[in-house]
Amino acid sequence: MIILAATPIGNLGDASTRLRQALEDADVVASEDTRVTQRLLSALGIANRPRLIALHEHNERARAGDLVELARDGDLLVLSDAGMPTVSDPGFPLVQAAVAAGVDVTAIPGPSAVVTALAVSGLPTDRFAFEGFLPRKAGDRSRRLAELAGDRRTLVFFEAPSRLAASLGALAEAFGADRPAAVCRELTKLHEEVRRGPLGELVEWAEAGVRGEICVVVGGAPEAPVADAGEAVARVVALAASGTRLKDAAALVAGETGLGKRDLYEAALQARSAR
C-alpha cells in the first residue's frame, strides 16, 4: 500500500498523531528531500530510522514503477517537504502508476497551505480553484490569466517571493486593479502575515520586497451585468464599420458582455444586410 502523508507546513505542532505513528512504523519512506525528512524525524523525536528513498520532480516518473512494486510487498510512506504529496509536490506519477497497477493508495490528511490560505483570506470559500504556480514567462502567464479572468470562483496560487510583485502586477492587469485579494505569507509560522486588499494596492506593497512561503488568494470575477443584446449588436456593427473584422468584433463584444460570439456575429450580419 502507498500512504500519502501530510507534513507540517511550518509549525511542528501540527504533526498529527497518525503521522507520528506512521513514521515510527515505517520501513521505507519515499520523500521529496531525504535531508528534510531526517530533520523531521529528529524534530518529532521519532526513534525509528526507516530506509529513505528520494522522490522528487526530476526522478519521480523514472522511479514510479519500482516504488509501486515495492509497495506490493509492504507499506510505502510518501512525504513531501511540507503539506500533502501530489499537490504542487511530487507524488502524482506514483499515484497514477499505483492505480494502474491495482496497488492501494490511501492518505494521512493534515496541513494544507491551500486550504489554510483560503480560510484566512476573507474571500468566498464556497467555490474555489487551486492554480498552483503561474508560468514564469510573461507571455505564458498572460495567456493563463486571460483564461481565468472571468472565473467566478476564488483562485489560489503559490508564488515565490522573488516573483510576487510581477505576478501580482500581471493579476491586476488581467483581472483589474480593484479585484480583492490576499497575500498569505509564512502560514502557521512565527512571522505569519496576511495582507488583504485590492490587487493594485498589493502590487505596491510587494514591490518593497517580501520573504517567505507565499500563497496568493484572489476573489472570483464579479457577476457581469445583463447586457442589452440590441446595443451589443450595434457595437459589433460599429466596430466592423471602423475596420475591425466582423468575427473579431463579435469576439470582442462577447468578451465584454458575456453574450454568445456566434449569436452576435449572425445578428450583426443580419443587421448589416438589412441596411
C-alpha atoms as a PDB file:
ATOM      1  CA  MET A   1       0.000   0.000   0.000  1.00  0.00           C
ATOM      2  CA  ILE A   2       1.082   3.572  -0.696  1.00  0.00           C
ATOM      3  CA  ILE A   3       0.389   6.032   2.120  1.00  0.00           C
ATOM      4  CA  LEU A   4       0.461   9.731   1.254  1.00  0.00           C
ATOM      5  CA  ALA A   5       1.149  11.622   4.476  1.00  0.00           C
ATOM      6  CA  ALA A   6       0.716  15.355   5.004  1.00  0.00           C
ATOM      7  CA  THR A   7       3.522  17.011   6.971  1.00  0.00           C
ATOM      8  CA  PRO A   8       3.530  20.375   8.795  1.00  0.00           C
ATOM      9  CA  ILE A   9       3.747  23.448   6.555  1.00  0.00           C
ATOM     10  CA  GLY A  10       5.644  25.341   9.245  1.00  0.00           C
ATOM     11  CA  ASN A  11       4.530  24.591  12.791  1.00  0.00           C
ATOM     12  CA  LEU A  12       5.695  21.175  14.036  1.00  0.00           C
ATOM     13  CA  GLY A  13       2.794  21.188  16.481  1.00  0.00           C
ATOM     14  CA  ASP A  14       0.534  20.440  13.515  1.00  0.00           C
ATOM     15  CA  ALA A  15       2.039  16.966  13.062  1.00  0.00           C
ATOM     16  CA  SER A  16      -0.856  14.568  13.622  1.00  0.00           C
ATOM     17  CA  THR A  17      -0.840  11.520  15.871  1.00  0.00           C
ATOM     18  CA  ARG A  18      -1.331   9.361  12.775  1.00  0.00           C
ATOM     19  CA  LEU A  19       1.693  10.916  11.071  1.00  0.00           C
ATOM     20  CA  ARG A  20       3.880  10.321  14.113  1.00  0.00           C
ATOM     21  CA  GLN A  21       2.754   6.697  14.349  1.00  0.00           C
ATOM     22  CA  ALA A  22       3.288   6.152  10.618  1.00  0.00           C
ATOM     23  CA  LEU A  23       6.831   7.497  10.914  1.00  0.00           C
ATOM     24  CA  GLU A  24       7.505   5.215  13.882  1.00  0.00           C
ATOM     25  CA  ASP A  25       6.196   2.177  11.984  1.00  0.00           C
ATOM     26  CA  ALA A  26       7.588   2.864   8.500  1.00  0.00           C
ATOM     27  CA  ASP A  27      10.179   0.566   6.989  1.00  0.00           C
ATOM     28  CA  VAL A  28      10.513   2.579   3.768  1.00  0.00           C
ATOM     29  CA  VAL A  29       9.813   6.271   3.163  1.00  0.00           C
ATOM     30  CA  ALA A  30       9.859   7.956  -0.248  1.00  0.00           C
ATOM     31  CA  SER A  31      10.416  11.657   0.335  1.00  0.00           C
ATOM     32  CA  GLU A  32      10.918  14.831  -1.681  1.00  0.00           C
ATOM     33  CA  ASP A  33      14.167  15.593   0.164  1.00  0.00           C
ATOM     34  CA  THR A  34      15.637  12.921   2.429  1.00  0.00           C
ATOM     35  CA  ARG A  35      17.528  15.555   4.423  1.00  0.00           C
ATOM     36  CA  VAL A  36      14.274  17.341   5.262  1.00  0.00           C
ATOM     37  CA  THR A  37      12.755  14.016   6.313  1.00  0.00           C
ATOM     38  CA  GLN A  38      15.724  13.260   8.560  1.00  0.00           C
ATOM     39  CA  ARG A  39      15.281  16.637  10.249  1.00  0.00           C
ATOM     40  CA  LEU A  40      11.554  15.985  10.656  1.00  0.00           C
ATOM     41  CA  LEU A  41      12.205  12.612  12.306  1.00  0.00           C
ATOM     42  CA  SER A  42      14.653  14.231  14.692  1.00  0.00           C
ATOM     43  CA  ALA A  43      12.428  17.230  15.480  1.00  0.00           C
ATOM     44  CA  LEU A  44       9.447  14.999  16.248  1.00  0.00           C
ATOM     45  CA  GLY A  45      11.532  12.693  18.425  1.00  0.00           C
ATOM     46  CA  ILE A  46      10.926   9.672  16.193  1.00  0.00           C
ATOM     47  CA  ALA A  47      13.279   6.843  17.195  1.00  0.00           C
ATOM     48  CA  ASN A  48      12.667   4.823  14.019  1.00  0.00           C
ATOM     49  CA  ARG A  49      15.141   5.243  11.179  1.00  0.00           C
ATOM     50  CA  PRO A  50      13.424   3.912   8.041  1.00  0.00           C
ATOM     51  CA  ARG A  51      15.054   3.421   4.665  1.00  0.00           C
ATOM     52  CA  LEU A  52      14.765   6.744   2.826  1.00  0.00           C
ATOM     53  CA  ILE A  53      14.307   6.965  -0.948  1.00  0.00           C
ATOM     54  CA  ALA A  54      14.446  10.295  -2.764  1.00  0.00           C
ATOM     55  CA  LEU A  55      11.307  11.001  -4.824  1.00  0.00           C
ATOM     56  CA  HIS A  56      11.396  14.425  -6.438  1.00  0.00           C
ATOM     57  CA  GLU A  57      10.336  16.171  -9.642  1.00  0.00           C
ATOM     58  CA  HIS A  58      13.459  15.078 -11.506  1.00  0.00           C
ATOM     59  CA  ASN A  59      13.184  11.330 -10.864  1.00  0.00           C
ATOM     60  CA  GLU A  60       9.587  10.533  -9.905  1.00  0.00           C
ATOM     61  CA  ARG A  61       8.462   9.258 -13.297  1.00  0.00           C
ATOM     62  CA  ALA A  62      11.506   7.038 -13.649  1.00  0.00           C
ATOM     63  CA  ARG A  63      11.133   5.632 -10.134  1.00  0.00           C
ATOM     64  CA  ALA A  64       7.342   5.246 -10.022  1.00  0.00           C
ATOM     65  CA  GLY A  65       7.298   1.678 -11.383  1.00  0.00           C
ATOM     66  CA  ASP A  66       9.906   0.354  -8.932  1.00  0.00           C
ATOM     67  CA  LEU A  67       8.200   2.047  -5.982  1.00  0.00           C
ATOM     68  CA  VAL A  68       4.825   0.569  -6.954  1.00  0.00           C
ATOM     69  CA  GLU A  69       6.372  -2.901  -6.959  1.00  0.00           C
ATOM     70  CA  LEU A  70       7.950  -2.163  -3.589  1.00  0.00           C
ATOM     71  CA  ALA A  71       4.511  -1.165  -2.263  1.00  0.00           C
ATOM     72  CA  ARG A  72       3.057  -4.546  -3.288  1.00  0.00           C
ATOM     73  CA  ASP A  73       5.068  -6.212  -0.541  1.00  0.00           C
ATOM     74  CA  GLY A  74       4.502  -3.700   2.242  1.00  0.00           C
ATOM     75  CA  ASP A  75       3.530  -0.142   3.095  1.00  0.00           C
ATOM     76  CA  LEU A  76       5.386   2.714   1.399  1.00  0.00           C
ATOM     77  CA  LEU A  77       5.093   6.038   3.209  1.00  0.00           C
ATOM     78  CA  VAL A  78       5.313   9.040   0.855  1.00  0.00           C
ATOM     79  CA  LEU A  79       6.217  12.537   2.110  1.00  0.00           C
ATOM     80  CA  SER A  80       6.788  15.919   0.545  1.00  0.00           C
ATOM     81  CA  ASP A  81       8.786  18.629   2.304  1.00  0.00           C
ATOM     82  CA  ALA A  82       5.579  20.280   3.563  1.00  0.00           C
ATOM     83  CA  GLY A  83       1.874  19.656   3.094  1.00  0.00           C
ATOM     84  CA  MET A  84       0.265  16.855   1.091  1.00  0.00           C
ATOM     85  CA  PRO A  85       2.259  14.965  -1.557  1.00  0.00           C
ATOM     86  CA  THR A  86       0.931  15.347  -5.143  1.00  0.00           C
ATOM     87  CA  VAL A  87      -0.404  18.908  -4.516  1.00  0.00           C
ATOM     88  CA  SER A  88       2.233  21.040  -6.304  1.00  0.00           C
ATOM     89  CA  ASP A  89       4.672  18.484  -4.900  1.00  0.00           C
ATOM     90  CA  PRO A  90       5.999  15.100  -6.069  1.00  0.00           C
ATOM     91  CA  GLY A  91       3.789  12.035  -5.911  1.00  0.00           C
ATOM     92  CA  PHE A  92       1.212  12.272  -8.695  1.00  0.00           C
ATOM     93  CA  PRO A  93       3.030   9.979 -11.207  1.00  0.00           C
ATOM     94  CA  LEU A  94       3.463   7.449  -8.402  1.00  0.00           C
ATOM     95  CA  VAL A  95      -0.248   7.520  -7.592  1.00  0.00           C
ATOM     96  CA  GLN A  96      -1.101   7.174 -11.291  1.00  0.00           C
ATOM     97  CA  ALA A  97       1.171   4.157 -11.615  1.00  0.00           C
ATOM     98  CA  ALA A  98      -0.205   2.589  -8.437  1.00  0.00           C
ATOM     99  CA  VAL A  99      -3.821   2.975  -9.549  1.00  0.00           C
ATOM    100  CA  ALA A 100      -2.995   1.465 -12.949  1.00  0.00           C
ATOM    101  CA  ALA A 101      -1.243  -1.475 -11.254  1.00  0.00           C
ATOM    102  CA  GLY A 102      -4.051  -2.104  -8.767  1.00  0.00           C
ATOM    103  CA  VAL A 103      -1.970  -1.124  -5.715  1.00  0.00           C
ATOM    104  CA  ASP A 104      -3.947   0.533  -2.909  1.00  0.00           C
ATOM    105  CA  VAL A 105      -3.379   4.226  -2.195  1.00  0.00           C
ATOM    106  CA  THR A 106      -4.518   5.950   0.985  1.00  0.00           C
ATOM    107  CA  ALA A 107      -3.698   9.202   2.784  1.00  0.00           C
ATOM    108  CA  ILE A 108      -2.997  10.582   6.201  1.00  0.00           C
ATOM    109  CA  PRO A 109      -4.595  14.040   5.945  1.00  0.00           C
ATOM    110  CA  GLY A 110      -3.144  17.083   7.584  1.00  0.00           C
ATOM    111  CA  PRO A 111      -1.848  20.619   6.999  1.00  0.00           C
ATOM    112  CA  SER A 112      -2.537  22.268   3.650  1.00  0.00           C
ATOM    113  CA  ALA A 113      -1.253  25.699   2.645  1.00  0.00           C
ATOM    114  CA  VAL A 114      -4.010  25.942   0.022  1.00  0.00           C
ATOM    115  CA  VAL A 115      -6.927  25.452   2.398  1.00  0.00           C
ATOM    116  CA  THR A 116      -5.284  27.422   5.206  1.00  0.00           C
ATOM    117  CA  ALA A 117      -4.731  30.439   2.950  1.00  0.00           C
ATOM    118  CA  LEU A 118      -8.272  30.198   1.628  1.00  0.00           C
ATOM    119  CA  ALA A 119      -9.697  30.061   5.155  1.00  0.00           C
ATOM    120  CA  VAL A 120      -7.868  33.164   6.416  1.00  0.00           C
ATOM    121  CA  SER A 121      -8.133  35.221   3.217  1.00  0.00           C
ATOM    122  CA  GLY A 122     -11.548  36.692   3.969  1.00  0.00           C
ATOM    123  CA  LEU A 123     -12.660  35.776   0.439  1.00  0.00           C
ATOM    124  CA  PRO A 124     -15.519  33.412  -0.511  1.00  0.00           C
ATOM    125  CA  THR A 125     -14.754  29.762   0.240  1.00  0.00           C
ATOM    126  CA  ASP A 126     -17.840  28.032  -1.172  1.00  0.00           C
ATOM    127  CA  ARG A 127     -16.274  27.620  -4.642  1.00  0.00           C
ATOM    128  CA  PHE A 128     -12.555  27.820  -5.299  1.00  0.00           C
ATOM    129  CA  ALA A 129      -9.838  26.531  -7.612  1.00  0.00           C
ATOM    130  CA  PHE A 130      -6.166  25.896  -6.912  1.00  0.00           C
ATOM    131  CA  GLU A 131      -3.937  27.010  -9.795  1.00  0.00           C
ATOM    132  CA  GLY A 132      -0.501  26.216  -8.360  1.00  0.00           C
ATOM    133  CA  PHE A 133       2.394  28.352  -9.631  1.00  0.00           C
ATOM    134  CA  LEU A 134       1.820  30.735 -12.524  1.00  0.00           C
ATOM    135  CA  PRO A 135       4.094  30.284 -15.570  1.00  0.00           C
ATOM    136  CA  ARG A 136       7.466  32.021 -15.271  1.00  0.00           C
ATOM    137  CA  LYS A 137       7.436  33.522 -18.781  1.00  0.00           C
ATOM    138  CA  ALA A 138       5.396  36.704 -19.107  1.00  0.00           C
ATOM    139  CA  GLY A 139       3.615  35.609 -22.293  1.00  0.00           C
ATOM    140  CA  ASP A 140       2.607  32.221 -20.905  1.00  0.00           C
ATOM    141  CA  ARG A 141       1.495  33.865 -17.672  1.00  0.00           C
ATOM    142  CA  SER A 142      -0.653  36.406 -19.514  1.00  0.00           C
ATOM    143  CA  ARG A 143      -2.354  33.675 -21.532  1.00  0.00           C
ATOM    144  CA  ARG A 144      -3.107  31.653 -18.394  1.00  0.00           C
ATOM    145  CA  LEU A 145      -4.571  34.678 -16.614  1.00  0.00           C
ATOM    146  CA  ALA A 146      -6.668  35.611 -19.645  1.00  0.00           C
ATOM    147  CA  GLU A 147      -8.273  32.167 -19.376  1.00  0.00           C
ATOM    148  CA  LEU A 148      -9.012  32.754 -15.677  1.00  0.00           C
ATOM    149  CA  ALA A 149     -10.147  36.379 -15.788  1.00  0.00           C
ATOM    150  CA  GLY A 150     -13.840  35.505 -15.982  1.00  0.00           C
ATOM    151  CA  ASP A 151     -13.741  32.620 -13.472  1.00  0.00           C
ATOM    152  CA  ARG A 152     -16.312  33.250 -10.727  1.00  0.00           C
ATOM    153  CA  ARG A 153     -14.501  31.028  -8.223  1.00  0.00           C
ATOM    154  CA  THR A 154     -11.947  32.207  -5.661  1.00  0.00           C
ATOM    155  CA  LEU A 155      -8.490  31.360  -7.027  1.00  0.00           C
ATOM    156  CA  VAL A 156      -5.473  30.208  -5.007  1.00  0.00           C
ATOM    157  CA  PHE A 157      -1.893  30.419  -6.302  1.00  0.00           C
ATOM    158  CA  PHE A 158       1.545  29.576  -4.960  1.00  0.00           C
ATOM    159  CA  GLU A 159       4.299  32.091  -5.680  1.00  0.00           C
ATOM    160  CA  ALA A 160       7.985  32.620  -4.973  1.00  0.00           C
ATOM    161  CA  PRO A 161       8.945  35.825  -3.117  1.00  0.00           C
ATOM    162  CA  SER A 162      11.185  36.987  -5.968  1.00  0.00           C
ATOM    163  CA  ARG A 163       8.299  36.821  -8.449  1.00  0.00           C
ATOM    164  CA  LEU A 164       5.466  38.033  -6.213  1.00  0.00           C
ATOM    165  CA  ALA A 165       5.386  41.675  -7.356  1.00  0.00           C
ATOM    166  CA  ALA A 166       5.490  40.702 -11.044  1.00  0.00           C
ATOM    167  CA  SER A 167       2.752  38.113 -10.604  1.00  0.00           C
ATOM    168  CA  LEU A 168       0.517  40.498  -8.674  1.00  0.00           C
ATOM    169  CA  GLY A 169       1.064  43.078 -11.404  1.00  0.00           C
ATOM    170  CA  ALA A 170       0.046  40.553 -14.047  1.00  0.00           C
ATOM    171  CA  LEU A 171      -3.019  39.619 -11.992  1.00  0.00           C
ATOM    172  CA  ALA A 172      -4.004  43.278 -11.645  1.00  0.00           C
ATOM    173  CA  GLU A 173      -3.620  43.806 -15.380  1.00  0.00           C
ATOM    174  CA  ALA A 174      -5.657  40.724 -16.278  1.00  0.00           C
ATOM    175  CA  PHE A 175      -8.313  40.880 -13.554  1.00  0.00           C
ATOM    176  CA  GLY A 176      -8.426  44.600 -12.785  1.00  0.00           C
ATOM    177  CA  ALA A 177      -6.610  46.543 -10.069  1.00  0.00           C
ATOM    178  CA  ASP A 178      -9.756  46.599  -7.904  1.00  0.00           C
ATOM    179  CA  ARG A 179     -10.152  42.804  -7.687  1.00  0.00           C
ATOM    180  CA  PRO A 180      -9.932  41.808  -3.976  1.00  0.00           C
ATOM    181  CA  ALA A 181      -7.079  39.528  -2.981  1.00  0.00           C
ATOM    182  CA  ALA A 182      -4.940  38.365  -0.062  1.00  0.00           C
ATOM    183  CA  VAL A 183      -1.260  37.501   0.162  1.00  0.00           C
ATOM    184  CA  CYS A 184      -0.718  34.881   2.852  1.00  0.00           C
ATOM    185  CA  ARG A 185       2.895  34.608   3.989  1.00  0.00           C
ATOM    186  CA  GLU A 186       4.642  32.131   6.301  1.00  0.00           C
ATOM    187  CA  LEU A 187       1.393  30.414   7.300  1.00  0.00           C
ATOM    188  CA  THR A 188       1.479  28.699  10.730  1.00  0.00           C
ATOM    189  CA  LYS A 189       4.991  30.085  11.361  1.00  0.00           C
ATOM    190  CA  LEU A 190       6.244  32.710  13.799  1.00  0.00           C
ATOM    191  CA  HIS A 191       6.086  35.565  11.274  1.00  0.00           C
ATOM    192  CA  GLU A 192       2.756  34.644   9.677  1.00  0.00           C
ATOM    193  CA  GLU A 193       1.209  37.575   7.824  1.00  0.00           C
ATOM    194  CA  VAL A 194      -1.964  38.017   5.779  1.00  0.00           C
ATOM    195  CA  ARG A 195      -2.112  41.183   3.691  1.00  0.00           C
ATOM    196  CA  ARG A 196      -5.567  41.858   2.240  1.00  0.00           C
ATOM    197  CA  GLY A 197      -6.633  44.475  -0.282  1.00  0.00           C
ATOM    198  CA  PRO A 198      -7.221  45.240  -3.958  1.00  0.00           C
ATOM    199  CA  LEU A 199      -4.632  43.788  -6.325  1.00  0.00           C
ATOM    200  CA  GLY A 200      -3.379  47.253  -7.244  1.00  0.00           C
ATOM    201  CA  GLU A 201      -2.528  48.064  -3.611  1.00  0.00           C
ATOM    202  CA  LEU A 202      -0.901  44.680  -3.073  1.00  0.00           C
ATOM    203  CA  VAL A 203       1.395  45.269  -6.055  1.00  0.00           C
ATOM    204  CA  GLU A 204       2.721  48.464  -4.436  1.00  0.00           C
ATOM    205  CA  TRP A 205       3.233  46.661  -1.125  1.00  0.00           C
ATOM    206  CA  ALA A 206       5.052  43.706  -2.722  1.00  0.00           C
ATOM    207  CA  GLU A 207       7.442  45.927  -4.702  1.00  0.00           C
ATOM    208  CA  ALA A 208       9.250  46.729  -1.433  1.00  0.00           C
ATOM    209  CA  GLY A 209      10.211  43.050  -1.132  1.00  0.00           C
ATOM    210  CA  VAL A 210       8.543  40.101   0.578  1.00  0.00           C
ATOM    211  CA  ARG A 211      10.079  36.983   2.100  1.00  0.00           C
ATOM    212  CA  GLY A 212       8.873  33.510   2.987  1.00  0.00           C
ATOM    213  CA  GLU A 213       6.495  30.889   1.648  1.00  0.00           C
ATOM    214  CA  ILE A 214       3.599  32.596  -0.115  1.00  0.00           C
ATOM    215  CA  CYS A 215       0.035  31.843  -1.184  1.00  0.00           C
ATOM    216  CA  VAL A 216      -1.989  34.366  -3.158  1.00  0.00           C
ATOM    217  CA  VAL A 217      -5.784  34.200  -2.940  1.00  0.00           C
ATOM    218  CA  VAL A 218      -7.827  36.210  -5.440  1.00  0.00           C
ATOM    219  CA  GLY A 219     -11.559  36.824  -5.443  1.00  0.00           C
ATOM    220  CA  GLY A 220     -13.586  35.500  -8.354  1.00  0.00           C
ATOM    221  CA  ALA A 221     -14.842  37.618 -11.216  1.00  0.00           C
ATOM    222  CA  PRO A 222     -17.896  39.711 -10.312  1.00  0.00           C
ATOM    223  CA  GLU A 223     -21.165  38.802 -11.952  1.00  0.00           C
ATOM    224  CA  ALA A 224     -21.449  40.636 -15.239  1.00  0.00           C
ATOM    225  CA  PRO A 225     -24.472  42.908 -15.616  1.00  0.00           C
ATOM    226  CA  VAL A 226     -27.120  41.698 -18.011  1.00  0.00           C
ATOM    227  CA  ALA A 227     -26.193  43.099 -21.405  1.00  0.00           C
ATOM    228  CA  ASP A 228     -28.663  44.644 -23.826  1.00  0.00           C
ATOM    229  CA  ALA A 229     -28.485  42.445 -26.926  1.00  0.00           C
ATOM    230  CA  GLY A 230     -29.506  45.248 -29.269  1.00  0.00           C
ATOM    231  CA  GLU A 231     -26.801  47.575 -28.001  1.00  0.00           C
ATOM    232  CA  ALA A 232     -24.248  44.768 -28.192  1.00  0.00           C
ATOM    233  CA  VAL A 233     -25.095  44.030 -31.838  1.00  0.00           C
ATOM    234  CA  ALA A 234     -24.919  47.739 -32.653  1.00  0.00           C
ATOM    235  CA  ARG A 235     -21.442  47.889 -31.114  1.00  0.00           C
ATOM    236  CA  VAL A 236     -20.311  44.913 -33.214  1.00  0.00           C
ATOM    237  CA  VAL A 237     -21.588  46.618 -36.358  1.00  0.00           C
ATOM    238  CA  ALA A 238     -19.899  49.886 -35.385  1.00  0.00           C
ATOM    239  CA  LEU A 239     -16.572  48.161 -34.747  1.00  0.00           C
ATOM    240  CA  ALA A 240     -16.815  46.386 -38.099  1.00  0.00           C
ATOM    241  CA  ALA A 241     -17.585  49.688 -39.818  1.00  0.00           C
ATOM    242  CA  SER A 242     -14.417  51.177 -38.307  1.00  0.00           C
ATOM    243  CA  GLY A 243     -12.257  48.455 -39.845  1.00  0.00           C
ATOM    244  CA  THR A 244     -12.350  45.552 -37.367  1.00  0.00           C
ATOM    245  CA  ARG A 245     -13.095  42.153 -38.887  1.00  0.00           C
ATOM    246  CA  LEU A 246     -16.674  41.193 -38.074  1.00  0.00           C
ATOM    247  CA  LYS A 247     -15.626  37.948 -36.387  1.00  0.00           C
ATOM    248  CA  ASP A 248     -13.093  39.802 -34.254  1.00  0.00           C
ATOM    249  CA  ALA A 249     -15.654  42.465 -33.365  1.00  0.00           C
ATOM    250  CA  ALA A 250     -18.145  39.788 -32.310  1.00  0.00           C
ATOM    251  CA  ALA A 251     -15.490  38.062 -30.177  1.00  0.00           C
ATOM    252  CA  LEU A 252     -14.525  41.354 -28.509  1.00  0.00           C
ATOM    253  CA  VAL A 253     -18.105  42.294 -27.639  1.00  0.00           C
ATOM    254  CA  ALA A 254     -18.843  38.741 -26.490  1.00  0.00           C
ATOM    255  CA  GLY A 255     -15.957  39.054 -24.028  1.00  0.00           C
ATOM    256  CA  GLU A 256     -17.267  42.383 -22.799  1.00  0.00           C
ATOM    257  CA  THR A 257     -20.887  41.325 -22.395  1.00  0.00           C
ATOM    258  CA  GLY A 258     -20.928  37.570 -21.849  1.00  0.00           C
ATOM    259  CA  LEU A 259     -23.226  37.138 -24.829  1.00  0.00           C
ATOM    260  CA  GLY A 260     -22.555  34.375 -27.343  1.00  0.00           C
ATOM    261  CA  LYS A 261     -19.962  35.160 -30.023  1.00  0.00           C
ATOM    262  CA  ARG A 262     -21.803  33.201 -32.716  1.00  0.00           C
ATOM    263  CA  ASP A 263     -25.139  34.842 -31.876  1.00  0.00           C
ATOM    264  CA  LEU A 264     -23.593  38.307 -32.037  1.00  0.00           C
ATOM    265  CA  TYR A 265     -21.875  37.536 -35.341  1.00  0.00           C
ATOM    266  CA  GLU A 266     -25.057  36.259 -37.003  1.00  0.00           C
ATOM    267  CA  ALA A 267     -27.158  39.113 -35.624  1.00  0.00           C
ATOM    268  CA  ALA A 268     -24.599  41.638 -36.892  1.00  0.00           C
ATOM    269  CA  LEU A 269     -24.652  40.028 -40.342  1.00  0.00           C
ATOM    270  CA  GLN A 270     -28.423  40.358 -40.451  1.00  0.00           C
ATOM    271  CA  ALA A 271     -28.257  43.954 -39.224  1.00  0.00           C
ATOM    272  CA  ARG A 272     -25.776  44.908 -41.942  1.00  0.00           C
ATOM    273  CA  SER A 273     -27.735  43.179 -44.714  1.00  0.00           C
ATOM    274  CA  ALA A 274     -30.956  44.918 -43.629  1.00  0.00           C
ATOM    275  CA  ARG A 275     -29.440  48.330 -44.210  1.00  0.00           C
END
